[in-house]
Amino acid sequence: MRSWALCLARILGFALILALWSWLNRSRLEPVTSIRIIIGGVLVVFPIAWIGRRLLDANPTIVQCNAVTTGVHYAIVPPFGAAIFEAIKQGRVWSGWIIPLPREIGGILMPVTGTVMLLTVLNLALGGRGAPFAVALSKRLTVRWMYAWTRNPMVLSTIAFLLSVGLWLQSELFILWMMVLVIPAWLFLLKVFEERELEIRFGASYAEYKLRTPMLWPRRPRL
């Protein structure tokens, strides 16, 4: 019964997050509020990941790991996603700082990188029996197909997709925001928190996988 209740709470929580993002996408905010969301929604990743890591190290058990990981995901995803939605929305209207490239380049790259991103979700669902969010933590370590080339193909493809969006928007500010804030925050989360929680949940199998597979940049799998 507890597992069903927890699953229901996770689904309802994710539904509320989607509702928040939908509202934000439709709303016209004051410029100062938009800037706070765009910057602050990314900066919160650093303290939340750091606190999550401390909680994991204080009690490195699977039960504690599942609880902390769920909490960290639900603490980070709403503001981080809100920052991305608001940055895309504002990227359409920001004047100046125009990338001197045809926006068609981004228009071509977006469906390509978006398709790869969706395939990584399918890869995780089939290989790990989980979702890319705390709605359903993976039950098995995913090491095949895209995950044989890099430990974080979903993050890599999502970054590529967002950079493609920046090219489509022709927004230098959006690309700069990605390079200075979003990518460092994501890498910090992966290195400080997610690698540790995977070590706790999957033990020696993850340690072996980590040794043979790069963190982000793809490399041909070793036989």
N, C-alpha and C. Protein backbone atom coordinates (compact mmCIF):
# COMPACT_ATOMS: atom_id res chain seq x y z
N MET A 1 0.83 -1.20 0.00
CA MET A 1 0.00 0.00 0.00
C MET A 1 0.87 1.26 0.00
N ARG A 2 1.95 1.23 0.79
CA ARG A 2 2.82 2.39 0.84
C ARG A 2 3.45 2.68 -0.51
N SER A 3 3.86 1.62 -1.23
CA SER A 3 4.47 1.83 -2.54
C SER A 3 3.48 2.44 -3.52
N TRP A 4 2.21 2.00 -3.46
CA TRP A 4 1.18 2.58 -4.32
C TRP A 4 0.94 4.04 -3.96
N ALA A 5 0.92 4.34 -2.67
CA ALA A 5 0.71 5.72 -2.25
C ALA A 5 1.86 6.61 -2.70
N LEU A 6 3.10 6.09 -2.57
CA LEU A 6 4.26 6.86 -3.00
C LEU A 6 4.24 7.08 -4.50
N CYS A 7 3.88 6.04 -5.25
CA CYS A 7 3.80 6.16 -6.71
C CYS A 7 2.76 7.20 -7.11
N LEU A 8 1.60 7.16 -6.44
CA LEU A 8 0.54 8.12 -6.73
C LEU A 8 0.99 9.55 -6.41
N ALA A 9 1.69 9.70 -5.27
CA ALA A 9 2.18 11.03 -4.89
C ALA A 9 3.18 11.56 -5.91
N ARG A 10 4.03 10.67 -6.42
CA ARG A 10 5.00 11.09 -7.42
C ARG A 10 4.32 11.54 -8.70
N ILE A 11 3.31 10.78 -9.13
CA ILE A 11 2.59 11.13 -10.36
C ILE A 11 1.84 12.45 -10.20
N LEU A 12 1.18 12.61 -9.05
CA LEU A 12 0.47 13.86 -8.81
C LEU A 12 1.44 15.04 -8.73
N GLY A 13 2.59 14.81 -8.10
CA GLY A 13 3.60 15.86 -8.02
C GLY A 13 4.08 16.27 -9.40
N PHE A 14 4.31 15.28 -10.26
CA PHE A 14 4.76 15.59 -11.61
C PHE A 14 3.67 16.31 -12.40
N ALA A 15 2.41 15.94 -12.17
CA ALA A 15 1.29 16.63 -12.83
C ALA A 15 1.24 18.10 -12.41
N LEU A 16 1.49 18.37 -11.13
CA LEU A 16 1.52 19.74 -10.66
C LEU A 16 2.66 20.53 -11.29
N ILE A 17 3.80 19.86 -11.47
CA ILE A 17 4.94 20.52 -12.11
C ILE A 17 4.60 20.88 -13.56
N LEU A 18 3.96 19.96 -14.27
CA LEU A 18 3.56 20.24 -15.65
C LEU A 18 2.56 21.39 -15.70
N ALA A 19 1.65 21.44 -14.74
CA ALA A 19 0.68 22.54 -14.68
C ALA A 19 1.40 23.87 -14.44
N LEU A 20 2.40 23.86 -13.57
CA LEU A 20 3.18 25.07 -13.30
C LEU A 20 3.89 25.55 -14.55
N TRP A 21 4.54 24.63 -15.25
CA TRP A 21 5.25 25.01 -16.47
C TRP A 21 4.28 25.54 -17.53
N SER A 22 3.11 24.91 -17.64
CA SER A 22 2.11 25.35 -18.60
C SER A 22 1.63 26.77 -18.29
N TRP A 23 1.38 27.02 -17.01
CA TRP A 23 0.97 28.37 -16.59
C TRP A 23 2.07 29.39 -16.90
N LEU A 24 3.30 29.02 -16.59
CA LEU A 24 4.41 29.93 -16.83
C LEU A 24 4.57 30.24 -18.31
N ASN A 25 4.38 29.24 -19.15
CA ASN A 25 4.52 29.42 -20.58
C ASN A 25 3.46 30.38 -21.14
N ARG A 26 2.29 30.42 -20.51
CA ARG A 26 1.21 31.28 -20.98
C ARG A 26 1.25 32.67 -20.37
N SER A 27 2.03 32.84 -19.30
CA SER A 27 2.00 34.10 -18.55
C SER A 27 3.03 35.09 -19.08
N ARG A 28 2.70 36.36 -18.96
CA ARG A 28 3.63 37.43 -19.29
C ARG A 28 4.12 38.05 -17.99
N LEU A 29 5.37 37.81 -17.66
CA LEU A 29 5.93 38.25 -16.39
C LEU A 29 6.71 39.55 -16.56
N GLU A 30 6.89 40.21 -15.44
CA GLU A 30 7.74 41.40 -15.44
C GLU A 30 9.18 40.99 -15.76
N PRO A 31 9.92 41.87 -16.46
CA PRO A 31 11.30 41.52 -16.83
C PRO A 31 12.17 41.08 -15.65
N VAL A 32 12.03 41.76 -14.52
CA VAL A 32 12.84 41.39 -13.34
C VAL A 32 12.48 39.99 -12.85
N THR A 33 11.19 39.67 -12.86
CA THR A 33 10.75 38.34 -12.44
C THR A 33 11.29 37.27 -13.39
N SER A 34 11.24 37.56 -14.69
CA SER A 34 11.77 36.60 -15.67
C SER A 34 13.25 36.34 -15.45
N ILE A 35 14.01 37.39 -15.20
CA ILE A 35 15.45 37.22 -14.97
C ILE A 35 15.72 36.41 -13.72
N ARG A 36 14.92 36.65 -12.69
CA ARG A 36 15.10 35.88 -11.45
C ARG A 36 14.83 34.40 -11.68
N ILE A 37 13.80 34.09 -12.47
CA ILE A 37 13.48 32.69 -12.75
C ILE A 37 14.57 32.07 -13.62
N ILE A 38 15.02 32.79 -14.65
CA ILE A 38 16.00 32.26 -15.59
C ILE A 38 17.34 31.98 -14.91
N ILE A 39 17.73 32.86 -14.01
CA ILE A 39 19.02 32.68 -13.33
C ILE A 39 18.87 31.86 -12.05
N GLY A 40 17.91 32.25 -11.22
CA GLY A 40 17.74 31.57 -9.94
C GLY A 40 17.31 30.13 -10.07
N GLY A 41 16.50 29.83 -11.10
CA GLY A 41 16.04 28.46 -11.31
C GLY A 41 17.16 27.50 -11.63
N VAL A 42 18.27 28.03 -12.14
CA VAL A 42 19.45 27.19 -12.41
C VAL A 42 20.38 27.16 -11.21
N LEU A 43 20.56 28.31 -10.57
CA LEU A 43 21.50 28.37 -9.44
C LEU A 43 21.09 27.50 -8.27
N VAL A 44 19.78 27.24 -8.10
CA VAL A 44 19.35 26.42 -6.97
C VAL A 44 19.86 24.98 -7.09
N VAL A 45 20.26 24.57 -8.28
CA VAL A 45 20.77 23.21 -8.47
C VAL A 45 21.98 22.97 -7.57
N PHE A 46 22.85 23.96 -7.45
CA PHE A 46 24.10 23.76 -6.72
C PHE A 46 23.87 23.45 -5.23
N PRO A 47 23.13 24.27 -4.48
CA PRO A 47 22.94 23.92 -3.05
C PRO A 47 22.11 22.66 -2.85
N ILE A 48 21.10 22.43 -3.70
CA ILE A 48 20.27 21.24 -3.52
C ILE A 48 21.09 19.98 -3.75
N ALA A 49 21.91 19.96 -4.82
CA ALA A 49 22.76 18.81 -5.09
C ALA A 49 23.76 18.59 -3.96
N TRP A 50 24.30 19.66 -3.43
CA TRP A 50 25.29 19.56 -2.33
C TRP A 50 24.63 19.00 -1.07
N ILE A 51 23.43 19.50 -0.73
CA ILE A 51 22.72 19.01 0.45
C ILE A 51 22.35 17.53 0.25
N GLY A 52 21.88 17.19 -0.97
CA GLY A 52 21.53 15.80 -1.25
C GLY A 52 22.72 14.88 -1.07
N ARG A 53 23.89 15.31 -1.52
CA ARG A 53 25.10 14.49 -1.38
C ARG A 53 25.44 14.29 0.10
N ARG A 54 25.31 15.33 0.89
CA ARG A 54 25.61 15.20 2.32
C ARG A 54 24.65 14.21 2.99
N LEU A 55 23.39 14.24 2.59
CA LEU A 55 22.42 13.31 3.16
C LEU A 55 22.73 11.87 2.75
N LEU A 56 23.17 11.68 1.51
CA LEU A 56 23.54 10.34 1.07
C LEU A 56 24.75 9.81 1.83
N ASP A 57 25.76 10.66 1.99
CA ASP A 57 26.98 10.23 2.67
C ASP A 57 26.73 9.96 4.16
N ALA A 58 25.75 10.66 4.73
CA ALA A 58 25.45 10.47 6.16
C ALA A 58 24.81 9.12 6.41
N ASN A 59 24.06 8.60 5.44
CA ASN A 59 23.37 7.31 5.61
C ASN A 59 23.25 6.63 4.25
N PRO A 60 24.34 6.01 3.78
CA PRO A 60 24.36 5.46 2.42
C PRO A 60 23.65 4.11 2.28
N THR A 61 22.34 4.13 2.50
CA THR A 61 21.53 2.93 2.32
C THR A 61 20.59 3.13 1.14
N ILE A 62 20.09 2.04 0.59
CA ILE A 62 19.21 2.13 -0.57
C ILE A 62 17.91 2.85 -0.22
N VAL A 63 17.37 2.57 0.97
CA VAL A 63 16.13 3.24 1.38
C VAL A 63 16.34 4.75 1.48
N GLN A 64 17.43 5.15 2.13
CA GLN A 64 17.74 6.57 2.24
C GLN A 64 18.01 7.18 0.87
N CYS A 65 18.69 6.42 0.02
CA CYS A 65 19.03 6.90 -1.31
C CYS A 65 17.77 7.17 -2.14
N ASN A 66 16.81 6.25 -2.09
CA ASN A 66 15.57 6.43 -2.85
C ASN A 66 14.81 7.66 -2.37
N ALA A 67 14.76 7.83 -1.05
CA ALA A 67 14.04 8.98 -0.48
C ALA A 67 14.72 10.30 -0.83
N VAL A 68 16.05 10.34 -0.68
CA VAL A 68 16.79 11.57 -0.96
C VAL A 68 16.74 11.90 -2.44
N THR A 69 16.90 10.89 -3.29
CA THR A 69 16.87 11.13 -4.73
C THR A 69 15.52 11.69 -5.17
N THR A 70 14.44 11.12 -4.63
CA THR A 70 13.11 11.65 -4.95
C THR A 70 12.99 13.10 -4.52
N GLY A 71 13.46 13.40 -3.31
CA GLY A 71 13.40 14.78 -2.82
C GLY A 71 14.22 15.74 -3.65
N VAL A 72 15.43 15.32 -4.02
CA VAL A 72 16.30 16.18 -4.82
C VAL A 72 15.69 16.45 -6.19
N HIS A 73 15.15 15.40 -6.81
CA HIS A 73 14.54 15.57 -8.13
C HIS A 73 13.36 16.55 -8.07
N TYR A 74 12.50 16.37 -7.09
CA TYR A 74 11.32 17.24 -6.99
C TYR A 74 11.68 18.65 -6.55
N ALA A 75 12.84 18.82 -5.92
CA ALA A 75 13.29 20.16 -5.54
C ALA A 75 13.94 20.89 -6.71
N ILE A 76 14.60 20.14 -7.59
CA ILE A 76 15.35 20.76 -8.69
C ILE A 76 14.51 20.94 -9.95
N VAL A 77 13.75 19.93 -10.32
CA VAL A 77 13.07 19.94 -11.62
C VAL A 77 12.11 21.12 -11.80
N PRO A 78 11.26 21.48 -10.82
CA PRO A 78 10.35 22.61 -11.06
C PRO A 78 11.06 23.93 -11.39
N PRO A 79 12.02 24.41 -10.55
CA PRO A 79 12.67 25.67 -10.89
C PRO A 79 13.59 25.57 -12.10
N PHE A 80 14.25 24.42 -12.28
CA PHE A 80 15.15 24.26 -13.41
C PHE A 80 14.37 24.26 -14.72
N GLY A 81 13.26 23.51 -14.75
CA GLY A 81 12.42 23.51 -15.93
C GLY A 81 11.79 24.86 -16.19
N ALA A 82 11.37 25.54 -15.10
CA ALA A 82 10.79 26.88 -15.26
C ALA A 82 11.81 27.84 -15.88
N ALA A 83 13.07 27.72 -15.46
CA ALA A 83 14.12 28.57 -16.02
C ALA A 83 14.27 28.33 -17.52
N ILE A 84 14.23 27.07 -17.93
CA ILE A 84 14.37 26.74 -19.35
C ILE A 84 13.19 27.27 -20.16
N PHE A 85 11.97 27.05 -19.66
CA PHE A 85 10.79 27.54 -20.38
C PHE A 85 10.81 29.06 -20.50
N GLU A 86 11.16 29.73 -19.41
CA GLU A 86 11.16 31.19 -19.43
C GLU A 86 12.28 31.72 -20.33
N ALA A 87 13.43 31.05 -20.33
CA ALA A 87 14.54 31.48 -21.20
C ALA A 87 14.18 31.33 -22.67
N ILE A 88 13.50 30.23 -23.01
CA ILE A 88 13.06 30.05 -24.40
C ILE A 88 12.04 31.10 -24.78
N LYS A 89 11.11 31.37 -23.87
CA LYS A 89 10.07 32.36 -24.14
C LYS A 89 10.69 33.75 -24.32
N GLN A 90 11.62 34.09 -23.45
CA GLN A 90 12.25 35.40 -23.55
C GLN A 90 13.22 35.47 -24.73
N GLY A 91 13.77 34.32 -25.11
CA GLY A 91 14.69 34.31 -26.24
C GLY A 91 14.04 34.72 -27.54
N ARG A 92 12.74 34.60 -27.61
CA ARG A 92 12.01 35.01 -28.80
C ARG A 92 11.92 36.52 -28.94
N VAL A 93 12.04 37.24 -27.82
CA VAL A 93 11.81 38.69 -27.85
C VAL A 93 13.05 39.51 -27.52
N TRP A 94 14.10 38.86 -27.02
CA TRP A 94 15.31 39.62 -26.71
C TRP A 94 15.85 40.28 -27.96
N SER A 95 16.11 41.56 -27.88
CA SER A 95 16.69 42.26 -29.02
C SER A 95 18.20 42.32 -28.87
N GLY A 96 18.88 42.48 -30.00
CA GLY A 96 20.34 42.49 -29.96
C GLY A 96 20.90 41.10 -29.74
N TRP A 97 22.20 41.01 -29.71
CA TRP A 97 22.88 39.74 -29.46
C TRP A 97 22.35 38.64 -30.40
N ILE A 98 22.25 38.97 -31.66
CA ILE A 98 21.71 38.02 -32.64
C ILE A 98 22.84 37.17 -33.22
N ILE A 99 22.67 35.86 -33.24
CA ILE A 99 23.65 34.97 -33.84
C ILE A 99 23.60 35.14 -35.36
N PRO A 100 24.70 35.44 -36.00
CA PRO A 100 24.70 35.70 -37.45
C PRO A 100 24.68 34.41 -38.28
N LEU A 101 23.73 33.55 -37.96
CA LEU A 101 23.57 32.30 -38.70
C LEU A 101 22.09 32.14 -39.06
N PRO A 102 21.80 31.50 -40.18
CA PRO A 102 20.40 31.27 -40.54
C PRO A 102 19.71 30.44 -39.46
N ARG A 103 18.51 30.86 -39.07
CA ARG A 103 17.80 30.12 -38.03
C ARG A 103 17.39 28.73 -38.52
N GLU A 104 17.44 28.51 -39.84
CA GLU A 104 17.11 27.19 -40.38
C GLU A 104 18.06 26.12 -39.87
N ILE A 105 19.29 26.52 -39.49
CA ILE A 105 20.24 25.54 -38.93
C ILE A 105 19.67 24.95 -37.65
N GLY A 106 19.18 25.82 -36.78
CA GLY A 106 18.54 25.34 -35.56
C GLY A 106 17.28 24.55 -35.86
N GLY A 107 16.54 25.00 -36.89
CA GLY A 107 15.32 24.30 -37.26
C GLY A 107 15.57 22.88 -37.74
N ILE A 108 16.73 22.65 -38.34
CA ILE A 108 17.11 21.30 -38.79
C ILE A 108 17.61 20.46 -37.62
N LEU A 109 18.40 21.09 -36.75
CA LEU A 109 19.00 20.35 -35.63
C LEU A 109 17.99 19.99 -34.55
N MET A 110 16.97 20.80 -34.35
CA MET A 110 16.01 20.56 -33.28
C MET A 110 15.30 19.20 -33.39
N PRO A 111 14.73 18.85 -34.55
CA PRO A 111 14.07 17.54 -34.63
C PRO A 111 15.06 16.38 -34.52
N VAL A 112 16.30 16.59 -34.99
CA VAL A 112 17.30 15.53 -34.89
C VAL A 112 17.67 15.28 -33.43
N THR A 113 18.05 16.34 -32.73
CA THR A 113 18.45 16.20 -31.33
C THR A 113 17.25 15.84 -30.46
N GLY A 114 16.06 16.34 -30.81
CA GLY A 114 14.86 15.97 -30.06
C GLY A 114 14.54 14.50 -30.19
N THR A 115 14.73 13.95 -31.38
CA THR A 115 14.50 12.51 -31.59
C THR A 115 15.48 11.68 -30.78
N VAL A 116 16.74 12.08 -30.77
CA VAL A 116 17.74 11.37 -29.98
C VAL A 116 17.38 11.43 -28.50
N MET A 117 16.91 12.59 -28.05
CA MET A 117 16.51 12.75 -26.66
C MET A 117 15.38 11.79 -26.30
N LEU A 118 14.38 11.68 -27.16
CA LEU A 118 13.28 10.75 -26.91
C LEU A 118 13.75 9.30 -26.92
N LEU A 119 14.71 8.99 -27.78
CA LEU A 119 15.24 7.63 -27.83
C LEU A 119 15.99 7.27 -26.55
N THR A 120 16.65 8.26 -25.94
CA THR A 120 17.32 7.97 -24.66
C THR A 120 16.31 7.67 -23.57
N VAL A 121 15.16 8.33 -23.61
CA VAL A 121 14.10 8.04 -22.64
C VAL A 121 13.59 6.61 -22.84
N LEU A 122 13.39 6.23 -24.10
CA LEU A 122 12.95 4.86 -24.41
C LEU A 122 14.01 3.86 -23.98
N ASN A 123 15.27 4.18 -24.23
CA ASN A 123 16.38 3.32 -23.84
C ASN A 123 16.38 3.08 -22.32
N LEU A 124 16.17 4.15 -21.55
CA LEU A 124 16.13 4.03 -20.10
C LEU A 124 14.92 3.22 -19.65
N ALA A 125 13.78 3.45 -20.29
CA ALA A 125 12.56 2.75 -19.90
C ALA A 125 12.68 1.25 -20.13
N LEU A 126 13.25 0.87 -21.28
CA LEU A 126 13.36 -0.55 -21.61
C LEU A 126 14.51 -1.22 -20.87
N GLY A 127 15.63 -0.51 -20.75
CA GLY A 127 16.80 -1.11 -20.12
C GLY A 127 16.80 -1.03 -18.62
N GLY A 128 16.29 0.08 -18.07
CA GLY A 128 16.34 0.27 -16.62
C GLY A 128 15.00 0.18 -15.94
N ARG A 129 13.93 0.03 -16.74
CA ARG A 129 12.57 -0.03 -16.19
C ARG A 129 12.30 1.16 -15.29
N GLY A 130 12.63 2.35 -15.84
CA GLY A 130 12.42 3.56 -15.07
C GLY A 130 12.17 4.75 -15.98
N ALA A 131 12.06 5.91 -15.37
CA ALA A 131 11.80 7.15 -16.09
C ALA A 131 12.92 8.13 -15.78
N PRO A 132 13.06 9.18 -16.60
CA PRO A 132 14.14 10.13 -16.38
C PRO A 132 13.87 11.11 -15.25
N PHE A 133 13.03 10.72 -14.32
CA PHE A 133 12.65 11.60 -13.22
C PHE A 133 12.20 10.70 -12.09
N ALA A 134 12.02 11.27 -10.91
CA ALA A 134 11.69 10.46 -9.74
C ALA A 134 10.30 9.85 -9.78
N VAL A 135 9.52 10.11 -10.84
CA VAL A 135 8.24 9.41 -11.00
C VAL A 135 8.46 7.91 -10.94
N ALA A 136 9.57 7.45 -11.52
CA ALA A 136 9.91 6.02 -11.49
C ALA A 136 11.43 5.88 -11.58
N LEU A 137 12.08 5.72 -10.43
CA LEU A 137 13.53 5.52 -10.43
C LEU A 137 13.85 4.19 -11.11
N SER A 138 14.93 4.18 -11.88
CA SER A 138 15.30 2.98 -12.61
C SER A 138 15.57 1.83 -11.64
N LYS A 139 15.08 0.66 -12.00
CA LYS A 139 15.24 -0.53 -11.16
C LYS A 139 16.48 -1.34 -11.53
N ARG A 140 16.98 -1.13 -12.75
CA ARG A 140 18.20 -1.80 -13.20
C ARG A 140 19.15 -0.77 -13.79
N LEU A 141 20.43 -1.08 -13.72
CA LEU A 141 21.44 -0.21 -14.32
C LEU A 141 21.39 -0.36 -15.83
N THR A 142 21.20 0.74 -16.54
CA THR A 142 21.13 0.72 -18.00
C THR A 142 22.52 0.89 -18.57
N VAL A 143 23.00 -0.12 -19.31
CA VAL A 143 24.37 -0.09 -19.83
C VAL A 143 24.43 -0.39 -21.32
N ARG A 144 23.29 -0.59 -21.96
CA ARG A 144 23.27 -0.99 -23.37
C ARG A 144 22.82 0.15 -24.27
N TRP A 145 23.06 -0.08 -25.58
CA TRP A 145 22.70 0.85 -26.64
C TRP A 145 23.34 2.21 -26.37
N MET A 146 22.56 3.29 -26.25
CA MET A 146 23.16 4.61 -26.08
C MET A 146 23.97 4.71 -24.79
N TYR A 147 23.54 3.99 -23.77
CA TYR A 147 24.23 4.04 -22.49
C TYR A 147 25.55 3.27 -22.50
N ALA A 148 25.82 2.56 -23.57
CA ALA A 148 27.13 1.92 -23.72
C ALA A 148 28.16 2.91 -24.23
N TRP A 149 27.70 4.00 -24.85
CA TRP A 149 28.60 5.01 -25.40
C TRP A 149 28.91 6.12 -24.40
N THR A 150 27.95 6.45 -23.57
CA THR A 150 28.12 7.50 -22.56
C THR A 150 27.18 7.20 -21.39
N ARG A 151 27.59 7.58 -20.18
CA ARG A 151 26.75 7.30 -19.03
C ARG A 151 25.54 8.24 -18.95
N ASN A 152 25.58 9.33 -19.69
CA ASN A 152 24.51 10.32 -19.60
C ASN A 152 24.04 10.78 -20.98
N PRO A 153 23.56 9.86 -21.82
CA PRO A 153 23.12 10.27 -23.16
C PRO A 153 21.90 11.19 -23.12
N MET A 154 21.07 11.04 -22.09
CA MET A 154 19.89 11.90 -22.00
C MET A 154 20.28 13.35 -21.74
N VAL A 155 21.22 13.55 -20.83
CA VAL A 155 21.70 14.90 -20.55
C VAL A 155 22.38 15.48 -21.78
N LEU A 156 23.23 14.69 -22.43
CA LEU A 156 23.95 15.16 -23.60
C LEU A 156 22.98 15.56 -24.72
N SER A 157 21.99 14.72 -24.99
CA SER A 157 21.04 15.02 -26.07
C SER A 157 20.15 16.20 -25.71
N THR A 158 19.81 16.35 -24.42
CA THR A 158 18.99 17.49 -24.01
C THR A 158 19.77 18.79 -24.15
N ILE A 159 21.04 18.77 -23.77
CA ILE A 159 21.88 19.95 -23.96
C ILE A 159 21.98 20.29 -25.45
N ALA A 160 22.18 19.27 -26.28
CA ALA A 160 22.26 19.50 -27.72
C ALA A 160 20.96 20.08 -28.26
N PHE A 161 19.82 19.57 -27.75
CA PHE A 161 18.52 20.08 -28.18
C PHE A 161 18.36 21.56 -27.79
N LEU A 162 18.72 21.89 -26.57
CA LEU A 162 18.56 23.27 -26.11
C LEU A 162 19.50 24.22 -26.86
N LEU A 163 20.70 23.77 -27.17
CA LEU A 163 21.59 24.59 -27.99
C LEU A 163 21.02 24.78 -29.39
N SER A 164 20.35 23.75 -29.90
CA SER A 164 19.68 23.87 -31.20
C SER A 164 18.55 24.89 -31.13
N VAL A 165 17.84 24.90 -30.00
CA VAL A 165 16.80 25.91 -29.81
C VAL A 165 17.40 27.31 -29.82
N GLY A 166 18.55 27.45 -29.15
CA GLY A 166 19.23 28.75 -29.14
C GLY A 166 19.61 29.21 -30.53
N LEU A 167 20.06 28.26 -31.39
CA LEU A 167 20.39 28.61 -32.78
C LEU A 167 19.13 28.99 -33.54
N TRP A 168 18.04 28.29 -33.28
CA TRP A 168 16.78 28.61 -33.94
C TRP A 168 16.28 30.00 -33.52
N LEU A 169 16.47 30.33 -32.22
CA LEU A 169 16.09 31.65 -31.73
C LEU A 169 17.08 32.73 -32.20
N GLN A 170 18.25 32.28 -32.68
CA GLN A 170 19.35 33.20 -33.06
C GLN A 170 19.75 34.08 -31.88
N SER A 171 19.72 33.51 -30.69
CA SER A 171 19.95 34.28 -29.47
C SER A 171 21.30 33.96 -28.85
N GLU A 172 22.21 34.91 -28.94
CA GLU A 172 23.50 34.74 -28.28
C GLU A 172 23.34 34.68 -26.76
N LEU A 173 22.38 35.44 -26.24
CA LEU A 173 22.16 35.42 -24.79
C LEU A 173 21.71 34.05 -24.31
N PHE A 174 20.87 33.38 -25.09
CA PHE A 174 20.41 32.04 -24.72
C PHE A 174 21.58 31.06 -24.72
N ILE A 175 22.41 31.11 -25.76
CA ILE A 175 23.57 30.23 -25.83
C ILE A 175 24.54 30.52 -24.69
N LEU A 176 24.75 31.81 -24.40
CA LEU A 176 25.64 32.19 -23.30
C LEU A 176 25.11 31.69 -21.97
N TRP A 177 23.79 31.81 -21.76
CA TRP A 177 23.16 31.31 -20.54
C TRP A 177 23.36 29.80 -20.42
N MET A 178 23.23 29.08 -21.52
CA MET A 178 23.46 27.64 -21.51
C MET A 178 24.90 27.31 -21.10
N MET A 179 25.86 28.00 -21.71
CA MET A 179 27.27 27.69 -21.49
C MET A 179 27.74 28.08 -20.08
N VAL A 180 27.25 29.21 -19.58
CA VAL A 180 27.74 29.75 -18.31
C VAL A 180 27.01 29.17 -17.11
N LEU A 181 25.70 28.91 -17.25
CA LEU A 181 24.92 28.48 -16.10
C LEU A 181 24.38 27.05 -16.22
N VAL A 182 23.65 26.77 -17.30
CA VAL A 182 22.92 25.51 -17.38
C VAL A 182 23.84 24.30 -17.43
N ILE A 183 24.79 24.30 -18.34
CA ILE A 183 25.68 23.14 -18.49
C ILE A 183 26.52 22.91 -17.23
N PRO A 184 27.16 23.96 -16.65
CA PRO A 184 27.89 23.72 -15.40
C PRO A 184 27.00 23.18 -14.27
N ALA A 185 25.77 23.71 -14.16
CA ALA A 185 24.87 23.22 -13.11
C ALA A 185 24.53 21.75 -13.32
N TRP A 186 24.28 21.37 -14.56
CA TRP A 186 23.93 19.98 -14.86
C TRP A 186 25.10 19.05 -14.55
N LEU A 187 26.30 19.46 -14.96
CA LEU A 187 27.48 18.64 -14.69
C LEU A 187 27.75 18.52 -13.19
N PHE A 188 27.50 19.60 -12.47
CA PHE A 188 27.66 19.57 -11.01
C PHE A 188 26.70 18.57 -10.39
N LEU A 189 25.45 18.58 -10.84
CA LEU A 189 24.45 17.64 -10.34
C LEU A 189 24.86 16.20 -10.62
N LEU A 190 25.34 15.95 -11.84
CA LEU A 190 25.75 14.59 -12.21
C LEU A 190 26.93 14.12 -11.36
N LYS A 191 27.93 14.98 -11.25
CA LYS A 191 29.16 14.57 -10.59
C LYS A 191 29.01 14.49 -9.08
N VAL A 192 28.35 15.46 -8.50
CA VAL A 192 28.28 15.53 -7.04
C VAL A 192 27.19 14.62 -6.47
N PHE A 193 26.02 14.59 -7.12
CA PHE A 193 24.90 13.84 -6.54
C PHE A 193 24.59 12.53 -7.27
N GLU A 194 24.33 12.59 -8.56
CA GLU A 194 23.79 11.41 -9.25
C GLU A 194 24.78 10.25 -9.30
N GLU A 195 26.06 10.53 -9.47
CA GLU A 195 27.03 9.44 -9.47
C GLU A 195 27.05 8.73 -8.12
N ARG A 196 26.94 9.51 -7.06
CA ARG A 196 26.95 8.91 -5.71
C ARG A 196 25.70 8.08 -5.46
N GLU A 197 24.53 8.58 -5.88
CA GLU A 197 23.31 7.80 -5.62
C GLU A 197 23.27 6.52 -6.46
N LEU A 198 23.86 6.55 -7.64
CA LEU A 198 23.93 5.33 -8.45
C LEU A 198 24.91 4.33 -7.85
N GLU A 199 26.00 4.82 -7.26
CA GLU A 199 26.94 3.94 -6.57
C GLU A 199 26.25 3.21 -5.43
N ILE A 200 25.40 3.93 -4.71
CA ILE A 200 24.70 3.31 -3.57
C ILE A 200 23.67 2.31 -4.06
N ARG A 201 22.93 2.66 -5.09
CA ARG A 201 21.83 1.79 -5.54
C ARG A 201 22.32 0.57 -6.30
N PHE A 202 23.42 0.71 -7.07
CA PHE A 202 23.84 -0.39 -7.94
C PHE A 202 25.22 -0.95 -7.61
N GLY A 203 25.91 -0.37 -6.67
CA GLY A 203 27.14 -0.94 -6.14
C GLY A 203 28.25 -1.17 -7.15
N ALA A 204 28.82 -2.39 -7.10
CA ALA A 204 29.99 -2.72 -7.91
C ALA A 204 29.69 -2.67 -9.41
N SER A 205 28.46 -2.98 -9.81
CA SER A 205 28.13 -2.97 -11.23
C SER A 205 28.24 -1.56 -11.79
N TYR A 206 27.85 -0.55 -10.99
CA TYR A 206 27.98 0.82 -11.46
C TYR A 206 29.44 1.25 -11.47
N ALA A 207 30.21 0.83 -10.47
CA ALA A 207 31.63 1.18 -10.42
C ALA A 207 32.35 0.65 -11.66
N GLU A 208 32.03 -0.57 -12.07
CA GLU A 208 32.63 -1.15 -13.27
C GLU A 208 32.18 -0.40 -14.52
N TYR A 209 30.89 -0.10 -14.59
CA TYR A 209 30.34 0.66 -15.73
C TYR A 209 30.98 2.04 -15.82
N LYS A 210 31.19 2.67 -14.69
CA LYS A 210 31.79 4.00 -14.64
C LYS A 210 33.23 4.00 -15.16
N LEU A 211 33.95 2.93 -14.89
CA LEU A 211 35.33 2.83 -15.33
C LEU A 211 35.46 2.70 -16.85
N ARG A 212 34.51 2.01 -17.47
CA ARG A 212 34.65 1.72 -18.90
C ARG A 212 33.86 2.67 -19.81
N THR A 213 33.00 3.52 -19.23
CA THR A 213 32.13 4.37 -20.04
C THR A 213 32.32 5.83 -19.65
N PRO A 214 32.53 6.73 -20.61
CA PRO A 214 32.73 8.14 -20.29
C PRO A 214 31.49 8.78 -19.68
N MET A 215 31.71 9.83 -18.91
CA MET A 215 30.61 10.50 -18.22
C MET A 215 29.65 11.17 -19.20
N LEU A 216 30.19 11.84 -20.22
CA LEU A 216 29.31 12.61 -21.10
C LEU A 216 29.64 12.42 -22.57
N TRP A 217 30.88 12.73 -22.97
CA TRP A 217 31.22 12.68 -24.39
C TRP A 217 31.29 11.22 -24.86
N PRO A 218 30.56 10.85 -25.91
CA PRO A 218 30.47 9.44 -26.32
C PRO A 218 31.80 8.87 -26.78
N ARG A 219 31.97 7.57 -26.53
CA ARG A 219 33.14 6.84 -26.98
C ARG A 219 32.68 5.44 -27.35
N ARG A 220 33.28 4.88 -28.41
CA ARG A 220 32.92 3.54 -28.85
C ARG A 220 33.05 2.56 -27.69
N PRO A 221 32.01 1.76 -27.46
CA PRO A 221 32.06 0.81 -26.33
C PRO A 221 33.25 -0.13 -26.42
N ARG A 222 33.83 -0.42 -25.28
CA ARG A 222 34.92 -1.38 -25.22
C ARG A 222 34.36 -2.79 -25.15
N LEU A 223 34.90 -3.67 -25.93
CA LEU A 223 34.47 -5.07 -25.94
C LEU A 223 35.04 -5.81 -24.74
